[in-house]
Amino acid sequence: MTPPDSSSPPGDPGVQGIAFTLEGVDDPTFSQILRDLRTDPAFARPLQVQAQPPQPGRSARLTLVFHPADRELAVGATQRLKTLLLRYGVQVDTVRIPGS
């Protein structure tokens, strides 16, 4: 897994995002990760998770999107996501949070 990057997702200029590139994650594993995200309260509104499944030549990607006022929730959700990813053998080495 490459380190996540901190960038503003396209669209609303008032939101921030923490993107995770999930190198080597296959489609079935990605589906299991998404299933876990949907049922975990750490990822409930006002946070949003944008998902791009793996495709030939492109790694899967998850982006945690939030407004600056929800930064504390996003930091907690990021830690929870790291734990969830470890359950599937995906190691996260570095996380950069916008504004830190």
C-alpha atoms as a PDB file:
ATOM      1  CA  MET A   1       0.000   0.000   0.000  1.00  0.00           C
ATOM      2  CA  THR A   2       1.329   3.400  -0.824  1.00  0.00           C
ATOM      3  CA  PRO A   3       0.964   6.168   1.729  1.00  0.00           C
ATOM      4  CA  PRO A   4      -2.337   7.988   1.575  1.00  0.00           C
ATOM      5  CA  ASP A   5      -2.277  11.514   0.247  1.00  0.00           C
ATOM      6  CA  SER A   6      -4.150  14.527   1.522  1.00  0.00           C
ATOM      7  CA  SER A   7      -5.966  16.349  -1.200  1.00  0.00           C
ATOM      8  CA  SER A   8      -9.220  18.091  -1.870  1.00  0.00           C
ATOM      9  CA  PRO A   9     -11.519  15.845  -3.838  1.00  0.00           C
ATOM     10  CA  PRO A  10     -13.041  17.293  -6.983  1.00  0.00           C
ATOM     11  CA  GLY A  11     -16.265  19.201  -6.566  1.00  0.00           C
ATOM     12  CA  ASP A  12     -16.948  21.030  -3.330  1.00  0.00           C
ATOM     13  CA  PRO A  13     -13.906  23.213  -2.514  1.00  0.00           C
ATOM     14  CA  GLY A  14     -14.902  23.149   1.174  1.00  0.00           C
ATOM     15  CA  VAL A  15     -14.142  19.448   1.636  1.00  0.00           C
ATOM     16  CA  GLN A  16     -10.927  17.598   2.300  1.00  0.00           C
ATOM     17  CA  GLY A  17      -9.984  14.018   1.655  1.00  0.00           C
ATOM     18  CA  ILE A  18      -7.581  11.377   2.874  1.00  0.00           C
ATOM     19  CA  ALA A  19      -6.894   8.931   0.051  1.00  0.00           C
ATOM     20  CA  PHE A  20      -5.659   5.379   0.511  1.00  0.00           C
ATOM     21  CA  THR A  21      -4.244   3.490  -2.470  1.00  0.00           C
ATOM     22  CA  LEU A  22      -4.660  -0.222  -1.800  1.00  0.00           C
ATOM     23  CA  GLU A  23      -1.963  -1.903  -3.856  1.00  0.00           C
ATOM     24  CA  GLY A  24      -2.393  -5.629  -4.373  1.00  0.00           C
ATOM     25  CA  VAL A  25      -5.969  -5.766  -3.049  1.00  0.00           C
ATOM     26  CA  ASP A  26      -8.133  -7.996  -5.239  1.00  0.00           C
ATOM     27  CA  ASP A  27     -11.825  -7.540  -6.008  1.00  0.00           C
ATOM     28  CA  PRO A  28     -13.189 -10.027  -3.422  1.00  0.00           C
ATOM     29  CA  THR A  29     -11.062  -8.494  -0.651  1.00  0.00           C
ATOM     30  CA  PHE A  30     -12.064  -4.975  -1.696  1.00  0.00           C
ATOM     31  CA  SER A  31     -15.724  -6.009  -1.517  1.00  0.00           C
ATOM     32  CA  GLN A  32     -15.209  -7.372   2.006  1.00  0.00           C
ATOM     33  CA  ILE A  33     -13.516  -4.136   3.076  1.00  0.00           C
ATOM     34  CA  LEU A  34     -16.437  -2.098   1.692  1.00  0.00           C
ATOM     35  CA  ARG A  35     -18.937  -4.334   3.472  1.00  0.00           C
ATOM     36  CA  ASP A  36     -17.144  -3.709   6.761  1.00  0.00           C
ATOM     37  CA  LEU A  37     -17.018   0.050   6.109  1.00  0.00           C
ATOM     38  CA  ARG A  38     -20.766   0.201   5.471  1.00  0.00           C
ATOM     39  CA  THR A  39     -21.567  -1.421   8.816  1.00  0.00           C
ATOM     40  CA  ASP A  40     -19.012   0.452  10.959  1.00  0.00           C
ATOM     41  CA  PRO A  41     -20.410   3.552  12.723  1.00  0.00           C
ATOM     42  CA  ALA A  42     -17.003   5.277  12.487  1.00  0.00           C
ATOM     43  CA  PHE A  43     -17.738   5.959   8.799  1.00  0.00           C
ATOM     44  CA  ALA A  44     -21.274   7.343   9.196  1.00  0.00           C
ATOM     45  CA  ARG A  45     -22.323  10.820   8.105  1.00  0.00           C
ATOM     46  CA  PRO A  46     -21.102  13.508   8.090  1.00  0.00           C
ATOM     47  CA  LEU A  47     -18.101  11.538   6.770  1.00  0.00           C
ATOM     48  CA  GLN A  48     -18.188  10.011   3.303  1.00  0.00           C
ATOM     49  CA  VAL A  49     -16.129   7.182   1.841  1.00  0.00           C
ATOM     50  CA  GLN A  50     -15.503   7.243  -1.898  1.00  0.00           C
ATOM     51  CA  ALA A  51     -14.424   3.902  -3.347  1.00  0.00           C
ATOM     52  CA  GLN A  52     -12.715   2.971  -6.603  1.00  0.00           C
ATOM     53  CA  PRO A  53     -12.442  -0.806  -7.066  1.00  0.00           C
ATOM     54  CA  PRO A  54      -9.300  -2.413  -8.438  1.00  0.00           C
ATOM     55  CA  GLN A  55      -9.043  -2.597 -12.205  1.00  0.00           C
ATOM     56  CA  PRO A  56      -6.374  -4.052 -14.477  1.00  0.00           C
ATOM     57  CA  GLY A  57      -3.330  -1.813 -14.154  1.00  0.00           C
ATOM     58  CA  ARG A  58      -4.870   0.311 -11.379  1.00  0.00           C
ATOM     59  CA  SER A  59      -4.965  -0.256  -7.624  1.00  0.00           C
ATOM     60  CA  ALA A  60      -8.105   0.066  -5.547  1.00  0.00           C
ATOM     61  CA  ARG A  61      -8.570   3.372  -3.771  1.00  0.00           C
ATOM     62  CA  LEU A  62     -10.570   4.583  -0.783  1.00  0.00           C
ATOM     63  CA  THR A  63     -10.947   8.270   0.033  1.00  0.00           C
ATOM     64  CA  LEU A  64     -12.329   9.502   3.336  1.00  0.00           C
ATOM     65  CA  VAL A  65     -14.045  12.815   2.547  1.00  0.00           C
ATOM     66  CA  PHE A  66     -14.969  15.372   5.190  1.00  0.00           C
ATOM     67  CA  HIS A  67     -15.551  19.058   5.855  1.00  0.00           C
ATOM     68  CA  PRO A  68     -12.883  20.841   7.934  1.00  0.00           C
ATOM     69  CA  ALA A  69     -15.307  21.083  10.880  1.00  0.00           C
ATOM     70  CA  ASP A  70     -15.429  17.264  10.969  1.00  0.00           C
ATOM     71  CA  ARG A  71     -11.670  16.825  11.069  1.00  0.00           C
ATOM     72  CA  GLU A  72     -11.681  15.121  14.487  1.00  0.00           C
ATOM     73  CA  LEU A  73     -14.218  12.543  13.263  1.00  0.00           C
ATOM     74  CA  ALA A  74     -12.088  11.967  10.164  1.00  0.00           C
ATOM     75  CA  VAL A  75      -8.952  11.364  12.235  1.00  0.00           C
ATOM     76  CA  GLY A  76     -10.806   8.756  14.311  1.00  0.00           C
ATOM     77  CA  ALA A  77     -12.220   7.133  11.187  1.00  0.00           C
ATOM     78  CA  THR A  78      -8.739   7.044   9.639  1.00  0.00           C
ATOM     79  CA  GLN A  79      -7.431   5.121  12.639  1.00  0.00           C
ATOM     80  CA  ARG A  80     -10.389   2.746  12.412  1.00  0.00           C
ATOM     81  CA  LEU A  81      -9.781   2.255   8.677  1.00  0.00           C
ATOM     82  CA  LYS A  82      -6.146   1.371   9.334  1.00  0.00           C
ATOM     83  CA  THR A  83      -7.285  -1.274  11.834  1.00  0.00           C
ATOM     84  CA  LEU A  84      -9.859  -2.635   9.414  1.00  0.00           C
ATOM     85  CA  LEU A  85      -7.306  -2.827   6.591  1.00  0.00           C
ATOM     86  CA  LEU A  86      -4.879  -4.740   8.818  1.00  0.00           C
ATOM     87  CA  ARG A  87      -7.597  -7.378   9.261  1.00  0.00           C
ATOM     88  CA  TYR A  88      -7.189  -8.046   5.524  1.00  0.00           C
ATOM     89  CA  GLY A  89      -3.394  -7.903   5.543  1.00  0.00           C
ATOM     90  CA  VAL A  90      -3.145  -4.377   4.102  1.00  0.00           C
ATOM     91  CA  GLN A  91      -0.400  -2.437   5.909  1.00  0.00           C
ATOM     92  CA  VAL A  92      -0.638   1.348   6.326  1.00  0.00           C
ATOM     93  CA  ASP A  93       2.706   3.007   7.007  1.00  0.00           C
ATOM     94  CA  THR A  94       1.948   6.737   6.835  1.00  0.00           C
ATOM     95  CA  VAL A  95      -1.156   8.890   7.106  1.00  0.00           C
ATOM     96  CA  ARG A  96      -1.121  12.616   6.410  1.00  0.00           C
ATOM     97  CA  ILE A  97      -4.108  14.596   7.653  1.00  0.00           C
ATOM     98  CA  PRO A  98      -4.933  17.924   5.936  1.00  0.00           C
ATOM     99  CA  GLY A  99      -4.046  20.854   8.153  1.00  0.00           C
ATOM    100  CA  SER A 100      -1.649  18.948  10.401  1.00  0.00           C
END
